[in-house]
Amino acid sequence: MGYGKERMERVKIMRKKTKRTKTQMKKLRRKQREMMMRTTEKSQKKIERIKNTRKKRENRFLQFINNPKPLNPNEDYLYHITTINRLEKIVSYGGLIGNRGNTINDMSKKGYLYMVNSDNKRVWNGVSYMELFEKEIDLFGRNGEPYEVIGIPISYFNNNELVLEQDPSGETIDIYHIKVNLMSKLIPLSEVHYIGHFITDGKDYDYDFLWELCEIKSGRKKEDIKLDCGKHFGGVRTYENRVETSLVNLYPTIKSKKEYIRERKRMEN
């Protein structure tokens, strides 16, 4: 008998040995159906757990922003300006933590929390416009973008021996900057006050408030001030040419910002 025939005979014998009766086949199919049902049930339970977790987070977040704790008139506060996405994470964490080292710029140090010591909405607006970086295009100003503000009582830092520092970043608005090294500490949500939701007004900052800040910092009249902002960020800016050299007008759309970023990367390569 050749090898091929011998092999076929072995296959026939194995099939005879493994052949199941109708009763056995029914039992096998029933077990398979039961296994599929258990697997489906486990998947559904997992999906429900995920949905419930998300729902709890959403409810906690909505409760935080819809039922803000009133500020204590006898307390002084520092204010943290952030985005809606980051605020959701803050609520999810259960409080404020220091920078995690994953920003798109090198202005923020790992472990530090950055704030301003002013309740002036124009200051908050300026920080959102020039210093709040969540996306690469934010480097060109966040005109029209939303931002959130939360407050932390200064007494919390004093009571927990957290040292507040000035933060000279080089931006004109840095006269209001305060930072603190939280390291691995967390400021609990019970100490955080939700102030509100705002929309960034780039024109208010770039056309007007920026020049008021320049006067404060330099001691000169705004008409005599020149700002060297670099070729692609307005060049030499003066109070007279402040409108046409504003990022609001140089990069008025998301498309124009992305086009410049693509061109810059192409030139670098």
C-alpha atoms as a PDB file:
ATOM      1  CA  MET A   1       0.000   0.000   0.000  1.00  0.00           C
ATOM      2  CA  GLY A   2       1.390   3.385  -0.984  1.00  0.00           C
ATOM      3  CA  TYR A   3       1.944   6.207   1.461  1.00  0.00           C
ATOM      4  CA  GLY A   4      -1.091   8.158   0.198  1.00  0.00           C
ATOM      5  CA  LYS A   5      -3.474   5.219   0.555  1.00  0.00           C
ATOM      6  CA  GLU A   6      -2.076   4.396   4.005  1.00  0.00           C
ATOM      7  CA  ARG A   7      -2.665   7.971   5.124  1.00  0.00           C
ATOM      8  CA  MET A   8      -6.259   7.933   3.845  1.00  0.00           C
ATOM      9  CA  GLU A   9      -6.937   4.718   5.764  1.00  0.00           C
ATOM     10  CA  ARG A  10      -5.673   6.331   8.992  1.00  0.00           C
ATOM     11  CA  VAL A  11      -7.954   9.339   8.441  1.00  0.00           C
ATOM     12  CA  LYS A  12     -10.970   7.013   7.919  1.00  0.00           C
ATOM     13  CA  ILE A  13     -10.176   5.129  11.133  1.00  0.00           C
ATOM     14  CA  MET A  14      -9.839   8.423  13.104  1.00  0.00           C
ATOM     15  CA  ARG A  15     -13.146   9.666  11.746  1.00  0.00           C
ATOM     16  CA  LYS A  16     -14.858   6.460  12.834  1.00  0.00           C
ATOM     17  CA  LYS A  17     -13.377   6.799  16.320  1.00  0.00           C
ATOM     18  CA  THR A  18     -14.442  10.482  16.680  1.00  0.00           C
ATOM     19  CA  LYS A  19     -17.882  10.117  15.109  1.00  0.00           C
ATOM     20  CA  ARG A  20     -20.544  11.381  17.547  1.00  0.00           C
ATOM     21  CA  THR A  21     -24.099  10.211  18.019  1.00  0.00           C
ATOM     22  CA  LYS A  22     -27.074  12.535  17.538  1.00  0.00           C
ATOM     23  CA  THR A  23     -27.465  12.797  21.306  1.00  0.00           C
ATOM     24  CA  GLN A  24     -23.810  13.769  21.715  1.00  0.00           C
ATOM     25  CA  MET A  25     -24.114  16.390  18.961  1.00  0.00           C
ATOM     26  CA  LYS A  26     -27.171  17.897  20.671  1.00  0.00           C
ATOM     27  CA  LYS A  27     -25.269  18.121  23.968  1.00  0.00           C
ATOM     28  CA  LEU A  28     -22.266  19.687  22.210  1.00  0.00           C
ATOM     29  CA  ARG A  29     -24.399  22.340  20.477  1.00  0.00           C
ATOM     30  CA  ARG A  30     -26.223  23.094  23.741  1.00  0.00           C
ATOM     31  CA  LYS A  31     -22.867  23.647  25.506  1.00  0.00           C
ATOM     32  CA  GLN A  32     -21.703  25.880  22.672  1.00  0.00           C
ATOM     33  CA  ARG A  33     -24.886  27.974  22.914  1.00  0.00           C
ATOM     34  CA  GLU A  34     -24.491  28.241  26.693  1.00  0.00           C
ATOM     35  CA  MET A  35     -20.885  29.380  26.304  1.00  0.00           C
ATOM     36  CA  MET A  36     -21.910  32.005  23.745  1.00  0.00           C
ATOM     37  CA  MET A  37     -24.691  33.229  26.055  1.00  0.00           C
ATOM     38  CA  ARG A  38     -22.268  33.497  28.999  1.00  0.00           C
ATOM     39  CA  THR A  39     -19.748  35.371  26.851  1.00  0.00           C
ATOM     40  CA  THR A  40     -22.464  37.743  25.607  1.00  0.00           C
ATOM     41  CA  GLU A  41     -23.719  38.264  29.161  1.00  0.00           C
ATOM     42  CA  LYS A  42     -20.192  39.080  30.390  1.00  0.00           C
ATOM     43  CA  SER A  43     -19.720  41.569  27.528  1.00  0.00           C
ATOM     44  CA  GLN A  44     -23.034  43.249  28.298  1.00  0.00           C
ATOM     45  CA  LYS A  45     -22.147  43.533  31.993  1.00  0.00           C
ATOM     46  CA  LYS A  46     -18.775  45.059  31.078  1.00  0.00           C
ATOM     47  CA  ILE A  47     -20.464  47.578  28.769  1.00  0.00           C
ATOM     48  CA  GLU A  48     -22.948  48.463  31.516  1.00  0.00           C
ATOM     49  CA  ARG A  49     -20.102  49.001  34.010  1.00  0.00           C
ATOM     50  CA  ILE A  50     -18.346  51.330  31.563  1.00  0.00           C
ATOM     51  CA  LYS A  51     -21.593  53.240  30.913  1.00  0.00           C
ATOM     52  CA  ASN A  52     -22.291  53.557  34.643  1.00  0.00           C
ATOM     53  CA  THR A  53     -18.744  54.782  35.302  1.00  0.00           C
ATOM     54  CA  ARG A  54     -19.046  57.388  32.555  1.00  0.00           C
ATOM     55  CA  LYS A  55     -22.457  58.437  33.833  1.00  0.00           C
ATOM     56  CA  LYS A  56     -21.108  58.863  37.372  1.00  0.00           C
ATOM     57  CA  ARG A  57     -18.242  60.993  36.050  1.00  0.00           C
ATOM     58  CA  GLU A  58     -20.620  63.108  33.983  1.00  0.00           C
ATOM     59  CA  ASN A  59     -22.954  63.561  36.962  1.00  0.00           C
ATOM     60  CA  ARG A  60     -20.024  64.519  39.230  1.00  0.00           C
ATOM     61  CA  PHE A  61     -18.780  67.026  36.666  1.00  0.00           C
ATOM     62  CA  LEU A  62     -22.232  68.543  36.109  1.00  0.00           C
ATOM     63  CA  GLN A  63     -22.749  68.805  39.858  1.00  0.00           C
ATOM     64  CA  PHE A  64     -19.398  70.592  40.201  1.00  0.00           C
ATOM     65  CA  ILE A  65     -20.131  73.249  37.559  1.00  0.00           C
ATOM     66  CA  ASN A  66     -23.864  73.636  38.180  1.00  0.00           C
ATOM     67  CA  ASN A  67     -23.640  73.899  41.961  1.00  0.00           C
ATOM     68  CA  PRO A  68     -20.485  75.938  42.605  1.00  0.00           C
ATOM     69  CA  LYS A  69     -19.487  76.715  46.161  1.00  0.00           C
ATOM     70  CA  PRO A  70     -19.680  80.460  46.861  1.00  0.00           C
ATOM     71  CA  LEU A  71     -16.420  82.279  47.469  1.00  0.00           C
ATOM     72  CA  ASN A  72     -15.716  83.328  51.030  1.00  0.00           C
ATOM     73  CA  PRO A  73     -15.626  87.173  51.113  1.00  0.00           C
ATOM     74  CA  ASN A  74     -13.026  86.980  53.896  1.00  0.00           C
ATOM     75  CA  GLU A  75     -10.648  84.864  51.804  1.00  0.00           C
ATOM     76  CA  ASP A  76      -8.143  85.814  49.118  1.00  0.00           C
ATOM     77  CA  TYR A  77      -7.995  83.504  46.112  1.00  0.00           C
ATOM     78  CA  LEU A  78      -5.690  82.437  43.330  1.00  0.00           C
ATOM     79  CA  TYR A  79      -7.228  81.525  39.976  1.00  0.00           C
ATOM     80  CA  HIS A  80      -6.390  78.667  37.610  1.00  0.00           C
ATOM     81  CA  ILE A  81      -7.382  79.088  33.963  1.00  0.00           C
ATOM     82  CA  THR A  82      -7.976  75.863  32.046  1.00  0.00           C
ATOM     83  CA  THR A  83      -9.939  74.191  29.239  1.00  0.00           C
ATOM     84  CA  ILE A  84     -13.166  72.217  29.546  1.00  0.00           C
ATOM     85  CA  ASN A  85     -11.331  68.932  28.793  1.00  0.00           C
ATOM     86  CA  ARG A  86      -8.775  69.549  31.515  1.00  0.00           C
ATOM     87  CA  LEU A  87     -11.454  70.621  33.974  1.00  0.00           C
ATOM     88  CA  GLU A  88     -13.257  67.311  33.396  1.00  0.00           C
ATOM     89  CA  LYS A  89     -10.002  65.532  34.254  1.00  0.00           C
ATOM     90  CA  ILE A  90      -9.580  67.637  37.397  1.00  0.00           C
ATOM     91  CA  VAL A  91     -13.047  66.598  38.589  1.00  0.00           C
ATOM     92  CA  SER A  92     -12.359  62.993  37.596  1.00  0.00           C
ATOM     93  CA  TYR A  93      -9.084  62.971  39.587  1.00  0.00           C
ATOM     94  CA  GLY A  94     -10.909  64.427  42.579  1.00  0.00           C
ATOM     95  CA  GLY A  95      -8.815  67.579  42.631  1.00  0.00           C
ATOM     96  CA  LEU A  96      -5.918  69.577  41.237  1.00  0.00           C
ATOM     97  CA  ILE A  97      -2.510  68.064  40.568  1.00  0.00           C
ATOM     98  CA  GLY A  98       0.705  69.559  39.224  1.00  0.00           C
ATOM     99  CA  ASN A  99       1.689  69.595  35.574  1.00  0.00           C
ATOM    100  CA  ARG A 100       2.305  66.041  34.320  1.00  0.00           C
ATOM    101  CA  GLY A 101       4.971  67.030  31.826  1.00  0.00           C
ATOM    102  CA  ASN A 102       2.899  66.413  28.702  1.00  0.00           C
ATOM    103  CA  THR A 103       2.336  69.982  27.470  1.00  0.00           C
ATOM    104  CA  ILE A 104       3.188  71.058  23.918  1.00  0.00           C
ATOM    105  CA  ASN A 105       5.551  73.794  25.116  1.00  0.00           C
ATOM    106  CA  ASP A 106       8.382  74.183  27.600  1.00  0.00           C
ATOM    107  CA  MET A 107       6.807  76.990  29.652  1.00  0.00           C
ATOM    108  CA  SER A 108       5.343  74.596  32.242  1.00  0.00           C
ATOM    109  CA  LYS A 109       7.462  72.527  34.614  1.00  0.00           C
ATOM    110  CA  LYS A 110       6.478  69.082  35.803  1.00  0.00           C
ATOM    111  CA  GLY A 111       4.804  69.078  39.209  1.00  0.00           C
ATOM    112  CA  TYR A 112       3.867  72.777  39.137  1.00  0.00           C
ATOM    113  CA  LEU A 113       0.408  74.332  39.206  1.00  0.00           C
ATOM    114  CA  TYR A 114       0.076  77.725  37.493  1.00  0.00           C
ATOM    115  CA  MET A 115      -2.329  80.446  38.592  1.00  0.00           C
ATOM    116  CA  VAL A 116      -2.910  84.216  38.605  1.00  0.00           C
ATOM    117  CA  ASN A 117      -3.401  86.428  41.631  1.00  0.00           C
ATOM    118  CA  SER A 118      -6.103  88.615  40.079  1.00  0.00           C
ATOM    119  CA  ASP A 119      -9.877  88.361  39.823  1.00  0.00           C
ATOM    120  CA  ASN A 120      -9.824  90.707  36.807  1.00  0.00           C
ATOM    121  CA  LYS A 121     -11.548  88.928  33.926  1.00  0.00           C
ATOM    122  CA  ARG A 122      -9.263  90.703  31.450  1.00  0.00           C
ATOM    123  CA  VAL A 123      -6.303  88.977  33.090  1.00  0.00           C
ATOM    124  CA  TRP A 124      -8.018  85.585  32.810  1.00  0.00           C
ATOM    125  CA  ASN A 125      -8.838  86.378  29.180  1.00  0.00           C
ATOM    126  CA  GLY A 126      -5.210  87.281  28.454  1.00  0.00           C
ATOM    127  CA  VAL A 127      -3.939  84.027  29.946  1.00  0.00           C
ATOM    128  CA  SER A 128      -6.414  82.037  27.858  1.00  0.00           C
ATOM    129  CA  TYR A 129      -5.474  83.928  24.703  1.00  0.00           C
ATOM    130  CA  MET A 130      -1.675  83.782  25.004  1.00  0.00           C
ATOM    131  CA  GLU A 131      -0.735  81.040  27.470  1.00  0.00           C
ATOM    132  CA  LEU A 132      -3.283  78.254  27.434  1.00  0.00           C
ATOM    133  CA  PHE A 133      -1.898  75.549  25.153  1.00  0.00           C
ATOM    134  CA  GLU A 134      -3.965  72.445  24.502  1.00  0.00           C
ATOM    135  CA  LYS A 135      -3.441  72.150  20.747  1.00  0.00           C
ATOM    136  CA  GLU A 136      -0.515  73.151  18.549  1.00  0.00           C
ATOM    137  CA  ILE A 137      -2.580  75.856  16.834  1.00  0.00           C
ATOM    138  CA  ASP A 138      -3.107  77.543  20.214  1.00  0.00           C
ATOM    139  CA  LEU A 139       0.386  78.988  19.787  1.00  0.00           C
ATOM    140  CA  PHE A 140      -1.244  81.500  17.438  1.00  0.00           C
ATOM    141  CA  GLY A 141      -3.728  82.748  20.018  1.00  0.00           C
ATOM    142  CA  ARG A 142      -7.023  81.283  21.201  1.00  0.00           C
ATOM    143  CA  ASN A 143      -9.395  83.948  19.952  1.00  0.00           C
ATOM    144  CA  GLY A 144     -12.997  82.706  20.237  1.00  0.00           C
ATOM    145  CA  GLU A 145     -12.023  79.586  22.207  1.00  0.00           C
ATOM    146  CA  PRO A 146     -13.786  78.724  25.506  1.00  0.00           C
ATOM    147  CA  TYR A 147     -12.014  78.501  28.845  1.00  0.00           C
ATOM    148  CA  GLU A 148     -12.861  77.694  32.457  1.00  0.00           C
ATOM    149  CA  VAL A 149     -11.777  79.393  35.680  1.00  0.00           C
ATOM    150  CA  ILE A 150     -11.482  77.856  39.145  1.00  0.00           C
ATOM    151  CA  GLY A 151     -10.390  79.465  42.389  1.00  0.00           C
ATOM    152  CA  ILE A 152      -8.308  78.135  45.291  1.00  0.00           C
ATOM    153  CA  PRO A 153      -8.096  79.973  48.632  1.00  0.00           C
ATOM    154  CA  ILE A 154      -4.582  81.203  49.472  1.00  0.00           C
ATOM    155  CA  SER A 155      -5.103  79.917  53.010  1.00  0.00           C
ATOM    156  CA  TYR A 156      -5.044  76.352  51.646  1.00  0.00           C
ATOM    157  CA  PHE A 157      -1.460  76.785  50.448  1.00  0.00           C
ATOM    158  CA  ASN A 158      -0.390  78.426  53.702  1.00  0.00           C
ATOM    159  CA  ASN A 159      -2.028  75.758  55.849  1.00  0.00           C
ATOM    160  CA  ASN A 160      -0.363  72.977  53.869  1.00  0.00           C
ATOM    161  CA  GLU A 161       3.097  74.610  53.746  1.00  0.00           C
ATOM    162  CA  LEU A 162       3.012  74.962  49.973  1.00  0.00           C
ATOM    163  CA  VAL A 163       5.302  77.806  48.901  1.00  0.00           C
ATOM    164  CA  LEU A 164       3.868  80.243  46.345  1.00  0.00           C
ATOM    165  CA  GLU A 165       6.361  81.649  43.831  1.00  0.00           C
ATOM    166  CA  GLN A 166       6.412  84.395  41.224  1.00  0.00           C
ATOM    167  CA  ASP A 167       6.518  83.069  37.661  1.00  0.00           C
ATOM    168  CA  PRO A 168       8.376  85.397  35.243  1.00  0.00           C
ATOM    169  CA  SER A 169       7.600  83.645  31.963  1.00  0.00           C
ATOM    170  CA  GLY A 170       8.569  86.494  29.648  1.00  0.00           C
ATOM    171  CA  GLU A 171       4.965  87.201  28.638  1.00  0.00           C
ATOM    172  CA  THR A 172       3.711  90.722  29.310  1.00  0.00           C
ATOM    173  CA  ILE A 173       0.932  89.359  31.519  1.00  0.00           C
ATOM    174  CA  ASP A 174       3.362  87.538  33.841  1.00  0.00           C
ATOM    175  CA  ILE A 175       3.084  90.272  36.479  1.00  0.00           C
ATOM    176  CA  TYR A 176       0.031  88.316  37.693  1.00  0.00           C
ATOM    177  CA  HIS A 177       1.628  84.854  37.527  1.00  0.00           C
ATOM    178  CA  ILE A 178       1.895  82.627  40.584  1.00  0.00           C
ATOM    179  CA  LYS A 179       3.109  79.019  40.625  1.00  0.00           C
ATOM    180  CA  VAL A 180       3.413  76.328  43.266  1.00  0.00           C
ATOM    181  CA  ASN A 181       5.272  73.035  43.231  1.00  0.00           C
ATOM    182  CA  LEU A 182       2.676  70.436  44.234  1.00  0.00           C
ATOM    183  CA  MET A 183       5.054  67.545  43.495  1.00  0.00           C
ATOM    184  CA  SER A 184       2.815  64.504  44.038  1.00  0.00           C
ATOM    185  CA  LYS A 185       0.242  66.306  46.198  1.00  0.00           C
ATOM    186  CA  LEU A 186      -3.385  66.846  45.245  1.00  0.00           C
ATOM    187  CA  ILE A 187      -5.576  69.833  46.104  1.00  0.00           C
ATOM    188  CA  PRO A 188      -8.920  68.165  46.907  1.00  0.00           C
ATOM    189  CA  LEU A 189     -12.002  69.183  44.986  1.00  0.00           C
ATOM    190  CA  SER A 190     -13.562  70.326  48.270  1.00  0.00           C
ATOM    191  CA  GLU A 191     -11.053  73.229  48.237  1.00  0.00           C
ATOM    192  CA  VAL A 192     -11.685  74.164  44.603  1.00  0.00           C
ATOM    193  CA  HIS A 193     -14.314  76.742  43.620  1.00  0.00           C
ATOM    194  CA  TYR A 194     -15.785  76.796  40.122  1.00  0.00           C
ATOM    195  CA  ILE A 195     -15.872  80.403  38.908  1.00  0.00           C
ATOM    196  CA  GLY A 196     -17.314  80.084  35.441  1.00  0.00           C
ATOM    197  CA  HIS A 197     -17.172  79.471  31.700  1.00  0.00           C
ATOM    198  CA  PHE A 198     -15.864  82.216  29.383  1.00  0.00           C
ATOM    199  CA  ILE A 199     -15.010  82.849  25.722  1.00  0.00           C
ATOM    200  CA  THR A 200     -11.579  84.207  24.797  1.00  0.00           C
ATOM    201  CA  ASP A 201     -11.608  87.702  23.293  1.00  0.00           C
ATOM    202  CA  GLY A 202      -8.312  88.078  21.436  1.00  0.00           C
ATOM    203  CA  LYS A 203      -9.091  91.605  20.298  1.00  0.00           C
ATOM    204  CA  ASP A 204      -9.601  92.863  23.849  1.00  0.00           C
ATOM    205  CA  TYR A 205      -6.166  91.560  24.804  1.00  0.00           C
ATOM    206  CA  ASP A 206      -4.153  92.240  21.635  1.00  0.00           C
ATOM    207  CA  TYR A 207      -5.687  95.620  20.747  1.00  0.00           C
ATOM    208  CA  ASP A 208      -5.964  97.121  24.216  1.00  0.00           C
ATOM    209  CA  PHE A 209      -5.129  95.275  27.456  1.00  0.00           C
ATOM    210  CA  LEU A 210      -1.678  94.158  26.254  1.00  0.00           C
ATOM    211  CA  TRP A 211      -0.636  97.787  25.833  1.00  0.00           C
ATOM    212  CA  GLU A 212      -1.934  98.750  29.270  1.00  0.00           C
ATOM    213  CA  LEU A 213       0.225  95.964  30.721  1.00  0.00           C
ATOM    214  CA  CYS A 214       3.223  97.194  28.710  1.00  0.00           C
ATOM    215  CA  GLU A 215       2.794 100.644  30.242  1.00  0.00           C
ATOM    216  CA  ILE A 216       2.719  99.122  33.748  1.00  0.00           C
ATOM    217  CA  LYS A 217       5.835  96.991  33.151  1.00  0.00           C
ATOM    218  CA  SER A 218       7.922  99.555  31.268  1.00  0.00           C
ATOM    219  CA  GLY A 219       6.757 102.813  32.821  1.00  0.00           C
ATOM    220  CA  ARG A 220       6.482 104.311  29.319  1.00  0.00           C
ATOM    221  CA  LYS A 221       3.498 105.479  27.297  1.00  0.00           C
ATOM    222  CA  LYS A 222       2.011 102.829  25.035  1.00  0.00           C
ATOM    223  CA  GLU A 223       2.590 105.051  21.982  1.00  0.00           C
ATOM    224  CA  ASP A 224       6.353 104.828  22.636  1.00  0.00           C
ATOM    225  CA  ILE A 225       6.504 101.039  23.088  1.00  0.00           C
ATOM    226  CA  LYS A 226       7.822  98.576  20.487  1.00  0.00           C
ATOM    227  CA  LEU A 227       7.453  94.811  20.789  1.00  0.00           C
ATOM    228  CA  ASP A 228       9.663  92.538  18.691  1.00  0.00           C
ATOM    229  CA  CYS A 229       7.450  89.468  18.301  1.00  0.00           C
ATOM    230  CA  GLY A 230       9.308  87.681  15.521  1.00  0.00           C
ATOM    231  CA  LYS A 231       8.718  87.547  11.788  1.00  0.00           C
ATOM    232  CA  HIS A 232       5.728  85.187  11.838  1.00  0.00           C
ATOM    233  CA  PHE A 233       4.076  86.591  14.967  1.00  0.00           C
ATOM    234  CA  GLY A 234       3.593  90.224  13.983  1.00  0.00           C
ATOM    235  CA  GLY A 235       7.178  91.405  13.607  1.00  0.00           C
ATOM    236  CA  VAL A 236       7.854  94.727  15.335  1.00  0.00           C
ATOM    237  CA  ARG A 237       4.558  95.717  16.891  1.00  0.00           C
ATOM    238  CA  THR A 238       3.613  99.240  17.947  1.00  0.00           C
ATOM    239  CA  TYR A 239       0.447 100.728  19.337  1.00  0.00           C
ATOM    240  CA  GLU A 240      -0.164 102.304  15.940  1.00  0.00           C
ATOM    241  CA  ASN A 241       0.067  99.037  13.944  1.00  0.00           C
ATOM    242  CA  ARG A 242      -1.367  96.794  16.698  1.00  0.00           C
ATOM    243  CA  VAL A 243      -4.468  95.772  14.708  1.00  0.00           C
ATOM    244  CA  GLU A 244      -2.830  94.583  11.485  1.00  0.00           C
ATOM    245  CA  THR A 245       0.011  92.878  13.399  1.00  0.00           C
ATOM    246  CA  SER A 246      -2.317  91.058  15.789  1.00  0.00           C
ATOM    247  CA  LEU A 247      -2.452  87.248  15.640  1.00  0.00           C
ATOM    248  CA  VAL A 248      -6.231  87.672  15.479  1.00  0.00           C
ATOM    249  CA  ASN A 249      -5.792  89.089  11.968  1.00  0.00           C
ATOM    250  CA  LEU A 250      -2.584  87.331  10.866  1.00  0.00           C
ATOM    251  CA  TYR A 251      -4.107  83.899  11.525  1.00  0.00           C
ATOM    252  CA  PRO A 252      -7.870  84.489  11.582  1.00  0.00           C
ATOM    253  CA  THR A 253      -8.931  80.880  10.969  1.00  0.00           C
ATOM    254  CA  ILE A 254      -7.977  77.377  12.085  1.00  0.00           C
ATOM    255  CA  LYS A 255      -7.096  76.649   8.448  1.00  0.00           C
ATOM    256  CA  SER A 256      -4.598  79.534   8.271  1.00  0.00           C
ATOM    257  CA  LYS A 257      -2.925  78.336  11.496  1.00  0.00           C
ATOM    258  CA  LYS A 258      -2.641  74.763  10.257  1.00  0.00           C
ATOM    259  CA  GLU A 259      -1.274  75.902   6.886  1.00  0.00           C
ATOM    260  CA  TYR A 260       1.520  77.832   8.581  1.00  0.00           C
ATOM    261  CA  ILE A 261       2.374  74.861  10.833  1.00  0.00           C
ATOM    262  CA  ARG A 262       2.548  72.543   7.809  1.00  0.00           C
ATOM    263  CA  GLU A 263       4.740  74.997   5.911  1.00  0.00           C
ATOM    264  CA  ARG A 264       7.081  75.451   8.880  1.00  0.00           C
ATOM    265  CA  LYS A 265       7.470  71.694   9.287  1.00  0.00           C
ATOM    266  CA  ARG A 266       8.116  71.315   5.570  1.00  0.00           C
ATOM    267  CA  MET A 267      10.857  73.958   5.719  1.00  0.00           C
ATOM    268  CA  GLU A 268      12.421  72.288   8.756  1.00  0.00           C
ATOM    269  CA  ASN A 269      12.611  68.983   6.914  1.00  0.00           C
END
